[in-house]
Amino acid sequence: MAVGEAVNRYFNTVDTFQPAAGVEIVVMVTFTGSADDLVGITNGTSTANSNVYFTYPNPNSNRFIITNTDYYKTDSIHTQAGFSGIQTK
């Protein structure tokens, strides 16, 4: 991955996405497969969640930054849950 590239991740279960050290990604939209789910950022111990009420392909415009320290977490058990963003570092 390089600065300016789009980053898209899809999950089929409860999961995390932790970028490499020094990488920063601005998450532009989050989406779920079929129902509202919790998504957010975690440092491995604490989690800040946000409900996503929109279902795929109608994304929710959550905007937050993920790094190697504070990374993406989804509690979704639905198919096609995930996020789209842009790498900024």
PDB file of N, CA and C in Angstrom:
ATOM      1  N   MET A   1       0.837  -1.173   0.000  1.00  0.00           N
ATOM      2  CA  MET A   1       0.000   0.000   0.000  1.00  0.00           C
ATOM      3  C   MET A   1       0.883   1.237   0.000  1.00  0.00           C
ATOM      4  N   ALA A   2       0.360   2.301  -0.597  1.00  0.00           N
ATOM      5  CA  ALA A   2       1.089   3.559  -0.668  1.00  0.00           C
ATOM      6  C   ALA A   2       0.157   4.718  -0.346  1.00  0.00           C
ATOM      7  N   VAL A   3       0.736   5.852   0.011  1.00  0.00           N
ATOM      8  CA  VAL A   3      -0.051   7.046   0.314  1.00  0.00           C
ATOM      9  C   VAL A   3      -0.926   7.390  -0.882  1.00  0.00           C
ATOM     10  N   GLY A   4      -2.188   7.690  -0.612  1.00  0.00           N
ATOM     11  CA  GLY A   4      -3.142   8.065  -1.650  1.00  0.00           C
ATOM     12  C   GLY A   4      -3.939   6.905  -2.203  1.00  0.00           C
ATOM     13  N   GLU A   5      -3.558   5.678  -1.875  1.00  0.00           N
ATOM     14  CA  GLU A   5      -4.284   4.516  -2.384  1.00  0.00           C
ATOM     15  C   GLU A   5      -5.546   4.258  -1.572  1.00  0.00           C
ATOM     16  N   ALA A   6      -6.550   3.746  -2.255  1.00  0.00           N
ATOM     17  CA  ALA A   6      -7.780   3.326  -1.585  1.00  0.00           C
ATOM     18  C   ALA A   6      -7.511   2.037  -0.823  1.00  0.00           C
ATOM     19  N   VAL A   7      -8.133   1.916   0.328  1.00  0.00           N
ATOM     20  CA  VAL A   7      -8.020   0.718   1.153  1.00  0.00           C
ATOM     21  C   VAL A   7      -9.424   0.206   1.410  1.00  0.00           C
ATOM     22  N   ASN A   8      -9.709  -0.988   0.973  1.00  0.00           N
ATOM     23  CA  ASN A   8     -11.025  -1.602   1.161  1.00  0.00           C
ATOM     24  C   ASN A   8     -10.840  -2.934   1.853  1.00  0.00           C
ATOM     25  N   ARG A   9     -11.627  -3.172   2.886  1.00  0.00           N
ATOM     26  CA  ARG A   9     -11.547  -4.439   3.612  1.00  0.00           C
ATOM     27  C   ARG A   9     -12.961  -4.971   3.832  1.00  0.00           C
ATOM     28  N   TYR A  10     -13.106  -6.263   3.633  1.00  0.00           N
ATOM     29  CA  TYR A  10     -14.368  -6.956   3.858  1.00  0.00           C
ATOM     30  C   TYR A  10     -14.150  -8.038   4.904  1.00  0.00           C
ATOM     31  N   PHE A  11     -15.136  -8.211   5.767  1.00  0.00           N
ATOM     32  CA  PHE A  11     -15.048  -9.199   6.830  1.00  0.00           C
ATOM     33  C   PHE A  11     -16.298 -10.072   6.813  1.00  0.00           C
ATOM     34  N   ASN A  12     -16.147 -11.317   7.207  1.00  0.00           N
ATOM     35  CA  ASN A  12     -17.280 -12.229   7.326  1.00  0.00           C
ATOM     36  C   ASN A  12     -17.522 -12.658   8.759  1.00  0.00           C
ATOM     37  N   THR A  13     -16.796 -12.070   9.685  1.00  0.00           N
ATOM     38  CA  THR A  13     -16.909 -12.453  11.088  1.00  0.00           C
ATOM     39  C   THR A  13     -16.348 -11.317  11.943  1.00  0.00           C
ATOM     40  N   VAL A  14     -16.426 -11.458  13.237  1.00  0.00           N
ATOM     41  CA  VAL A  14     -15.809 -10.499  14.149  1.00  0.00           C
ATOM     42  C   VAL A  14     -14.308 -10.494  13.862  1.00  0.00           C
ATOM     43  N   ASP A  15     -13.754  -9.301  13.622  1.00  0.00           N
ATOM     44  CA  ASP A  15     -12.352  -9.252  13.202  1.00  0.00           C
ATOM     45  C   ASP A  15     -11.785  -7.855  13.412  1.00  0.00           C
ATOM     46  N   THR A  16     -10.470  -7.722  13.197  1.00  0.00           N
ATOM     47  CA  THR A  16      -9.790  -6.433  13.250  1.00  0.00           C
ATOM     48  C   THR A  16      -8.938  -6.271  11.998  1.00  0.00           C
ATOM     49  N   PHE A  17      -8.594  -5.021  11.710  1.00  0.00           N
ATOM     50  CA  PHE A  17      -7.618  -4.718  10.665  1.00  0.00           C
ATOM     51  C   PHE A  17      -6.619  -3.749  11.260  1.00  0.00           C
ATOM     52  N   GLN A  18      -5.372  -4.167  11.378  1.00  0.00           N
ATOM     53  CA  GLN A  18      -4.312  -3.364  11.967  1.00  0.00           C
ATOM     54  C   GLN A  18      -3.272  -3.047  10.898  1.00  0.00           C
ATOM     55  N   PRO A  19      -3.192  -1.767  10.468  1.00  0.00           N
ATOM     56  CA  PRO A  19      -2.187  -1.400   9.461  1.00  0.00           C
ATOM     57  C   PRO A  19      -0.767  -1.597   9.999  1.00  0.00           C
ATOM     58  N   ALA A  20       0.178  -1.642   9.100  1.00  0.00           N
ATOM     59  CA  ALA A  20       1.585  -1.756   9.484  1.00  0.00           C
ATOM     60  C   ALA A  20       2.019  -0.518  10.268  1.00  0.00           C
ATOM     61  N   ALA A  21       3.082  -0.644  11.028  1.00  0.00           N
ATOM     62  CA  ALA A  21       3.622   0.480  11.792  1.00  0.00           C
ATOM     63  C   ALA A  21       3.944   1.639  10.846  1.00  0.00           C
ATOM     64  N   GLY A  22       3.563   2.858  11.236  1.00  0.00           N
ATOM     65  CA  GLY A  22       3.827   4.045  10.432  1.00  0.00           C
ATOM     66  C   GLY A  22       2.759   4.351   9.400  1.00  0.00           C
ATOM     67  N   VAL A  23       1.821   3.440   9.198  1.00  0.00           N
ATOM     68  CA  VAL A  23       0.738   3.639   8.220  1.00  0.00           C
ATOM     69  C   VAL A  23      -0.464   4.259   8.920  1.00  0.00           C
ATOM     70  N   GLU A  24      -1.112   5.207   8.243  1.00  0.00           N
ATOM     71  CA  GLU A  24      -2.316   5.841   8.744  1.00  0.00           C
ATOM     72  C   GLU A  24      -3.370   5.781   7.644  1.00  0.00           C
ATOM     73  N   ILE A  25      -4.575   5.372   8.000  1.00  0.00           N
ATOM     74  CA  ILE A  25      -5.669   5.261   7.034  1.00  0.00           C
ATOM     75  C   ILE A  25      -6.861   6.051   7.552  1.00  0.00           C
ATOM     76  N   VAL A  26      -7.434   6.886   6.708  1.00  0.00           N
ATOM     77  CA  VAL A  26      -8.669   7.578   7.045  1.00  0.00           C
ATOM     78  C   VAL A  26      -9.818   6.720   6.527  1.00  0.00           C
ATOM     79  N   VAL A  27     -10.592   6.174   7.451  1.00  0.00           N
ATOM     80  CA  VAL A  27     -11.775   5.390   7.088  1.00  0.00           C
ATOM     81  C   VAL A  27     -12.858   6.381   6.697  1.00  0.00           C
ATOM     82  N   MET A  28     -13.362   6.246   5.472  1.00  0.00           N
ATOM     83  CA  MET A  28     -14.374   7.171   4.959  1.00  0.00           C
ATOM     84  C   MET A  28     -15.788   6.635   5.139  1.00  0.00           C
ATOM     85  N   VAL A  29     -15.980   5.344   4.930  1.00  0.00           N
ATOM     86  CA  VAL A  29     -17.301   4.731   5.079  1.00  0.00           C
ATOM     87  C   VAL A  29     -17.162   3.350   5.698  1.00  0.00           C
ATOM     88  N   THR A  30     -18.166   2.965   6.458  1.00  0.00           N
ATOM     89  CA  THR A  30     -18.260   1.620   6.997  1.00  0.00           C
ATOM     90  C   THR A  30     -19.595   1.044   6.548  1.00  0.00           C
ATOM     91  N   PHE A  31     -19.665  -0.262   6.435  1.00  0.00           N
ATOM     92  CA  PHE A  31     -20.915  -0.891   5.997  1.00  0.00           C
ATOM     93  C   PHE A  31     -21.026  -2.284   6.587  1.00  0.00           C
ATOM     94  N   THR A  32     -22.261  -2.771   6.618  1.00  0.00           N
ATOM     95  CA  THR A  32     -22.532  -4.108   7.121  1.00  0.00           C
ATOM     96  C   THR A  32     -23.278  -4.898   6.066  1.00  0.00           C
ATOM     97  N   GLY A  33     -23.366  -6.185   6.293  1.00  0.00           N
ATOM     98  CA  GLY A  33     -23.980  -7.051   5.296  1.00  0.00           C
ATOM     99  C   GLY A  33     -25.489  -7.072   5.318  1.00  0.00           C
ATOM    100  N   SER A  34     -26.101  -7.072   6.521  1.00  0.00           N
ATOM    101  CA  SER A  34     -27.546  -7.232   6.532  1.00  0.00           C
ATOM    102  C   SER A  34     -28.248  -6.619   7.734  1.00  0.00           C
ATOM    103  N   ALA A  35     -27.531  -6.126   8.706  1.00  0.00           N
ATOM    104  CA  ALA A  35     -28.170  -5.575   9.895  1.00  0.00           C
ATOM    105  C   ALA A  35     -27.223  -4.576  10.549  1.00  0.00           C
ATOM    106  N   ASP A  36     -27.737  -3.864  11.570  1.00  0.00           N
ATOM    107  CA  ASP A  36     -26.842  -2.927  12.242  1.00  0.00           C
ATOM    108  C   ASP A  36     -25.824  -3.703  13.068  1.00  0.00           C
ATOM    109  N   ASP A  37     -24.620  -3.192  13.111  1.00  0.00           N
ATOM    110  CA  ASP A  37     -23.515  -3.828  13.805  1.00  0.00           C
ATOM    111  C   ASP A  37     -22.648  -2.766  14.460  1.00  0.00           C
ATOM    112  N   LEU A  38     -21.773  -3.196  15.340  1.00  0.00           N
ATOM    113  CA  LEU A  38     -20.819  -2.298  15.963  1.00  0.00           C
ATOM    114  C   LEU A  38     -19.503  -2.330  15.204  1.00  0.00           C
ATOM    115  N   VAL A  39     -18.985  -1.163  14.897  1.00  0.00           N
ATOM    116  CA  VAL A  39     -17.647  -1.026  14.330  1.00  0.00           C
ATOM    117  C   VAL A  39     -16.958   0.092  15.095  1.00  0.00           C
ATOM    118  N   GLY A  40     -15.648   0.121  15.041  1.00  0.00           N
ATOM    119  CA  GLY A  40     -14.948   1.195  15.722  1.00  0.00           C
ATOM    120  C   GLY A  40     -13.459   0.987  15.724  1.00  0.00           C
ATOM    121  N   ILE A  41     -12.815   1.626  16.701  1.00  0.00           N
ATOM    122  CA  ILE A  41     -11.370   1.502  16.823  1.00  0.00           C
ATOM    123  C   ILE A  41     -11.047   0.848  18.163  1.00  0.00           C
ATOM    124  N   THR A  42      -9.933   0.141  18.186  1.00  0.00           N
ATOM    125  CA  THR A  42      -9.479  -0.512  19.398  1.00  0.00           C
ATOM    126  C   THR A  42      -7.958  -0.404  19.489  1.00  0.00           C
ATOM    127  N   ASN A  43      -7.455  -0.459  20.694  1.00  0.00           N
ATOM    128  CA  ASN A  43      -6.006  -0.538  20.889  1.00  0.00           C
ATOM    129  C   ASN A  43      -5.626  -1.923  21.398  1.00  0.00           C
ATOM    130  N   GLY A  44      -6.571  -2.862  21.305  1.00  0.00           N
ATOM    131  CA  GLY A  44      -6.355  -4.209  21.793  1.00  0.00           C
ATOM    132  C   GLY A  44      -6.891  -4.434  23.185  1.00  0.00           C
ATOM    133  N   THR A  45      -7.108  -3.337  23.918  1.00  0.00           N
ATOM    134  CA  THR A  45      -7.653  -3.411  25.273  1.00  0.00           C
ATOM    135  C   THR A  45      -8.981  -2.681  25.360  1.00  0.00           C
ATOM    136  N   SER A  46      -8.986  -1.419  24.954  1.00  0.00           N
ATOM    137  CA  SER A  46     -10.194  -0.599  24.979  1.00  0.00           C
ATOM    138  C   SER A  46     -10.729  -0.438  23.565  1.00  0.00           C
ATOM    139  N   THR A  47     -12.058  -0.337  23.451  1.00  0.00           N
ATOM    140  CA  THR A  47     -12.691  -0.182  22.144  1.00  0.00           C
ATOM    141  C   THR A  47     -13.690   0.959  22.187  1.00  0.00           C
ATOM    142  N   ALA A  48     -13.681   1.801  21.161  1.00  0.00           N
ATOM    143  CA  ALA A  48     -14.687   2.839  20.965  1.00  0.00           C
ATOM    144  C   ALA A  48     -15.547   2.390  19.790  1.00  0.00           C
ATOM    145  N   ASN A  49     -16.815   2.072  20.053  1.00  0.00           N
ATOM    146  CA  ASN A  49     -17.692   1.538  19.020  1.00  0.00           C
ATOM    147  C   ASN A  49     -18.680   2.576  18.522  1.00  0.00           C
ATOM    148  N   SER A  50     -19.138   2.352  17.310  1.00  0.00           N
ATOM    149  CA  SER A  50     -20.194   3.149  16.701  1.00  0.00           C
ATOM    150  C   SER A  50     -21.138   2.182  16.003  1.00  0.00           C
ATOM    151  N   ASN A  51     -22.438   2.363  16.207  1.00  0.00           N
ATOM    152  CA  ASN A  51     -23.390   1.513  15.502  1.00  0.00           C
ATOM    153  C   ASN A  51     -23.450   1.895  14.039  1.00  0.00           C
ATOM    154  N   VAL A  52     -23.467   0.915  13.172  1.00  0.00           N
ATOM    155  CA  VAL A  52     -23.674   1.122  11.746  1.00  0.00           C
ATOM    156  C   VAL A  52     -25.064   0.593  11.441  1.00  0.00           C
ATOM    157  N   TYR A  53     -25.958   1.480  11.056  1.00  0.00           N
ATOM    158  CA  TYR A  53     -27.341   1.087  10.828  1.00  0.00           C
ATOM    159  C   TYR A  53     -27.651   0.820   9.368  1.00  0.00           C
ATOM    160  N   PHE A  54     -26.784   1.279   8.489  1.00  0.00           N
ATOM    161  CA  PHE A  54     -27.044   1.111   7.067  1.00  0.00           C
ATOM    162  C   PHE A  54     -26.493  -0.219   6.591  1.00  0.00           C
ATOM    163  N   THR A  55     -27.192  -0.850   5.694  1.00  0.00           N
ATOM    164  CA  THR A  55     -26.732  -2.132   5.193  1.00  0.00           C
ATOM    165  C   THR A  55     -26.104  -1.979   3.822  1.00  0.00           C
ATOM    166  N   TYR A  56     -25.253  -2.903   3.481  1.00  0.00           N
ATOM    167  CA  TYR A  56     -24.562  -2.910   2.200  1.00  0.00           C
ATOM    168  C   TYR A  56     -25.577  -2.972   1.076  1.00  0.00           C
ATOM    169  N   PRO A  57     -25.468  -2.204   0.007  1.00  0.00           N
ATOM    170  CA  PRO A  57     -24.347  -1.332  -0.314  1.00  0.00           C
ATOM    171  C   PRO A  57     -24.557   0.124   0.081  1.00  0.00           C
ATOM    172  N   ASN A  58     -25.369   0.385   1.084  1.00  0.00           N
ATOM    173  CA  ASN A  58     -25.616   1.755   1.533  1.00  0.00           C
ATOM    174  C   ASN A  58     -24.740   2.049   2.742  1.00  0.00           C
ATOM    175  N   PRO A  59     -23.559   2.627   2.535  1.00  0.00           N
ATOM    176  CA  PRO A  59     -22.592   2.778   3.624  1.00  0.00           C
ATOM    177  C   PRO A  59     -22.956   3.902   4.585  1.00  0.00           C
ATOM    178  N   ASN A  60     -22.366   3.832   5.748  1.00  0.00           N
ATOM    179  CA  ASN A  60     -22.496   4.844   6.779  1.00  0.00           C
ATOM    180  C   ASN A  60     -21.244   5.714   6.739  1.00  0.00           C
ATOM    181  N   SER A  61     -21.410   7.018   6.704  1.00  0.00           N
ATOM    182  CA  SER A  61     -20.258   7.920   6.579  1.00  0.00           C
ATOM    183  C   SER A  61     -19.598   8.175   7.922  1.00  0.00           C
ATOM    184  N   ASN A  62     -19.032   7.138   8.507  1.00  0.00           N
ATOM    185  CA  ASN A  62     -18.204   7.298   9.701  1.00  0.00           C
ATOM    186  C   ASN A  62     -16.820   7.681   9.217  1.00  0.00           C
ATOM    187  N   ARG A  63     -16.248   8.731   9.773  1.00  0.00           N
ATOM    188  CA  ARG A  63     -14.890   9.106   9.386  1.00  0.00           C
ATOM    189  C   ARG A  63     -14.019   9.081  10.622  1.00  0.00           C
ATOM    190  N   PHE A  64     -13.002   8.224  10.572  1.00  0.00           N
ATOM    191  CA  PHE A  64     -12.041   8.158  11.667  1.00  0.00           C
ATOM    192  C   PHE A  64     -10.732   7.624  11.125  1.00  0.00           C
ATOM    193  N   ILE A  65      -9.671   7.839  11.894  1.00  0.00           N
ATOM    194  CA  ILE A  65      -8.320   7.449  11.483  1.00  0.00           C
ATOM    195  C   ILE A  65      -7.927   6.176  12.216  1.00  0.00           C
ATOM    196  N   ILE A  66      -7.335   5.235  11.463  1.00  0.00           N
ATOM    197  CA  ILE A  66      -6.788   4.052  12.097  1.00  0.00           C
ATOM    198  C   ILE A  66      -5.284   3.995  11.858  1.00  0.00           C
ATOM    199  N   THR A  67      -4.584   3.479  12.838  1.00  0.00           N
ATOM    200  CA  THR A  67      -3.128   3.340  12.788  1.00  0.00           C
ATOM    201  C   THR A  67      -2.765   1.956  13.327  1.00  0.00           C
ATOM    202  N   ASN A  68      -1.481   1.712  13.466  1.00  0.00           N
ATOM    203  CA  ASN A  68      -1.028   0.454  14.049  1.00  0.00           C
ATOM    204  C   ASN A  68      -1.375   0.384  15.533  1.00  0.00           C
ATOM    205  N   THR A  69      -1.516   1.535  16.183  1.00  0.00           N
ATOM    206  CA  THR A  69      -1.839   1.589  17.608  1.00  0.00           C
ATOM    207  C   THR A  69      -3.339   1.551  17.863  1.00  0.00           C
ATOM    208  N   ASP A  70      -4.099   2.335  17.111  1.00  0.00           N
ATOM    209  CA  ASP A  70      -5.557   2.403  17.225  1.00  0.00           C
ATOM    210  C   ASP A  70      -6.137   1.934  15.905  1.00  0.00           C
ATOM    211  N   TYR A  71      -6.617   0.716  15.853  1.00  0.00           N
ATOM    212  CA  TYR A  71      -6.973   0.086  14.596  1.00  0.00           C
ATOM    213  C   TYR A  71      -8.447  -0.315  14.538  1.00  0.00           C
ATOM    214  N   TYR A  72      -8.872  -0.720  13.355  1.00  0.00           N
ATOM    215  CA  TYR A  72     -10.278  -1.006  13.054  1.00  0.00           C
ATOM    216  C   TYR A  72     -10.729  -2.327  13.676  1.00  0.00           C
ATOM    217  N   LYS A  73     -11.951  -2.316  14.214  1.00  0.00           N
ATOM    218  CA  LYS A  73     -12.551  -3.521  14.780  1.00  0.00           C
ATOM    219  C   LYS A  73     -14.010  -3.587  14.349  1.00  0.00           C
ATOM    220  N   THR A  74     -14.456  -4.756  13.978  1.00  0.00           N
ATOM    221  CA  THR A  74     -15.866  -4.964  13.682  1.00  0.00           C
ATOM    222  C   THR A  74     -16.405  -6.104  14.520  1.00  0.00           C
ATOM    223  N   ASP A  75     -17.619  -5.934  15.009  1.00  0.00           N
ATOM    224  CA  ASP A  75     -18.312  -7.002  15.722  1.00  0.00           C
ATOM    225  C   ASP A  75     -19.338  -7.654  14.817  1.00  0.00           C
ATOM    226  N   SER A  76     -19.210  -7.435  13.516  1.00  0.00           N
ATOM    227  CA  SER A  76     -20.170  -7.961  12.549  1.00  0.00           C
ATOM    228  C   SER A  76     -19.992  -9.460  12.358  1.00  0.00           C
ATOM    229  N   ILE A  77     -21.103 -10.147  12.243  1.00  0.00           N
ATOM    230  CA  ILE A  77     -21.072 -11.564  11.875  1.00  0.00           C
ATOM    231  C   ILE A  77     -21.728 -11.748  10.514  1.00  0.00           C
ATOM    232  N   HIS A  78     -21.931 -10.660   9.803  1.00  0.00           N
ATOM    233  CA  HIS A  78     -22.604 -10.684   8.513  1.00  0.00           C
ATOM    234  C   HIS A  78     -21.593 -10.629   7.374  1.00  0.00           C
ATOM    235  N   THR A  79     -21.958 -11.156   6.240  1.00  0.00           N
ATOM    236  CA  THR A  79     -21.079 -11.085   5.077  1.00  0.00           C
ATOM    237  C   THR A  79     -21.043  -9.666   4.539  1.00  0.00           C
ATOM    238  N   GLN A  80     -19.973  -9.328   3.907  1.00  0.00           N
ATOM    239  CA  GLN A  80     -19.753  -8.035   3.263  1.00  0.00           C
ATOM    240  C   GLN A  80     -19.751  -6.869   4.224  1.00  0.00           C
ATOM    241  N   ALA A  81     -19.382  -7.097   5.472  1.00  0.00           N
ATOM    242  CA  ALA A  81     -19.151  -6.004   6.398  1.00  0.00           C
ATOM    243  C   ALA A  81     -17.737  -5.501   6.188  1.00  0.00           C
ATOM    244  N   GLY A  82     -17.514  -4.214   6.382  1.00  0.00           N
ATOM    245  CA  GLY A  82     -16.159  -3.705   6.218  1.00  0.00           C
ATOM    246  C   GLY A  82     -16.086  -2.205   6.125  1.00  0.00           C
ATOM    247  N   PHE A  83     -15.017  -1.722   5.470  1.00  0.00           N
ATOM    248  CA  PHE A  83     -14.811  -0.281   5.343  1.00  0.00           C
ATOM    249  C   PHE A  83     -14.067   0.044   4.073  1.00  0.00           C
ATOM    250  N   SER A  84     -14.146   1.308   3.693  1.00  0.00           N
ATOM    251  CA  SER A  84     -13.347   1.867   2.609  1.00  0.00           C
ATOM    252  C   SER A  84     -12.678   3.131   3.140  1.00  0.00           C
ATOM    253  N   GLY A  85     -11.431   3.318   2.753  1.00  0.00           N
ATOM    254  CA  GLY A  85     -10.709   4.483   3.215  1.00  0.00           C
ATOM    255  C   GLY A  85      -9.552   4.820   2.291  1.00  0.00           C
ATOM    256  N   ILE A  86      -8.731   5.774   2.736  1.00  0.00           N
ATOM    257  CA  ILE A  86      -7.589   6.250   1.964  1.00  0.00           C
ATOM    258  C   ILE A  86      -6.366   6.263   2.872  1.00  0.00           C
ATOM    259  N   GLN A  87      -5.260   5.721   2.369  1.00  0.00           N
ATOM    260  CA  GLN A  87      -4.022   5.746   3.132  1.00  0.00           C
ATOM    261  C   GLN A  87      -3.424   7.148   3.043  1.00  0.00           C
ATOM    262  N   THR A  88      -3.128   7.757   4.219  1.00  0.00           N
ATOM    263  CA  THR A  88      -2.586   9.114   4.255  1.00  0.00           C
ATOM    264  C   THR A  88      -1.125   9.156   4.709  1.00  0.00           C
ATOM    265  N   LYS A  89      -0.611   8.088   5.277  1.00  0.00           N
ATOM    266  CA  LYS A  89       0.801   8.020   5.677  1.00  0.00           C
ATOM    267  C   LYS A  89       1.327   6.652   5.327  1.00  0.00           C
TER     268      LYS A  89
END
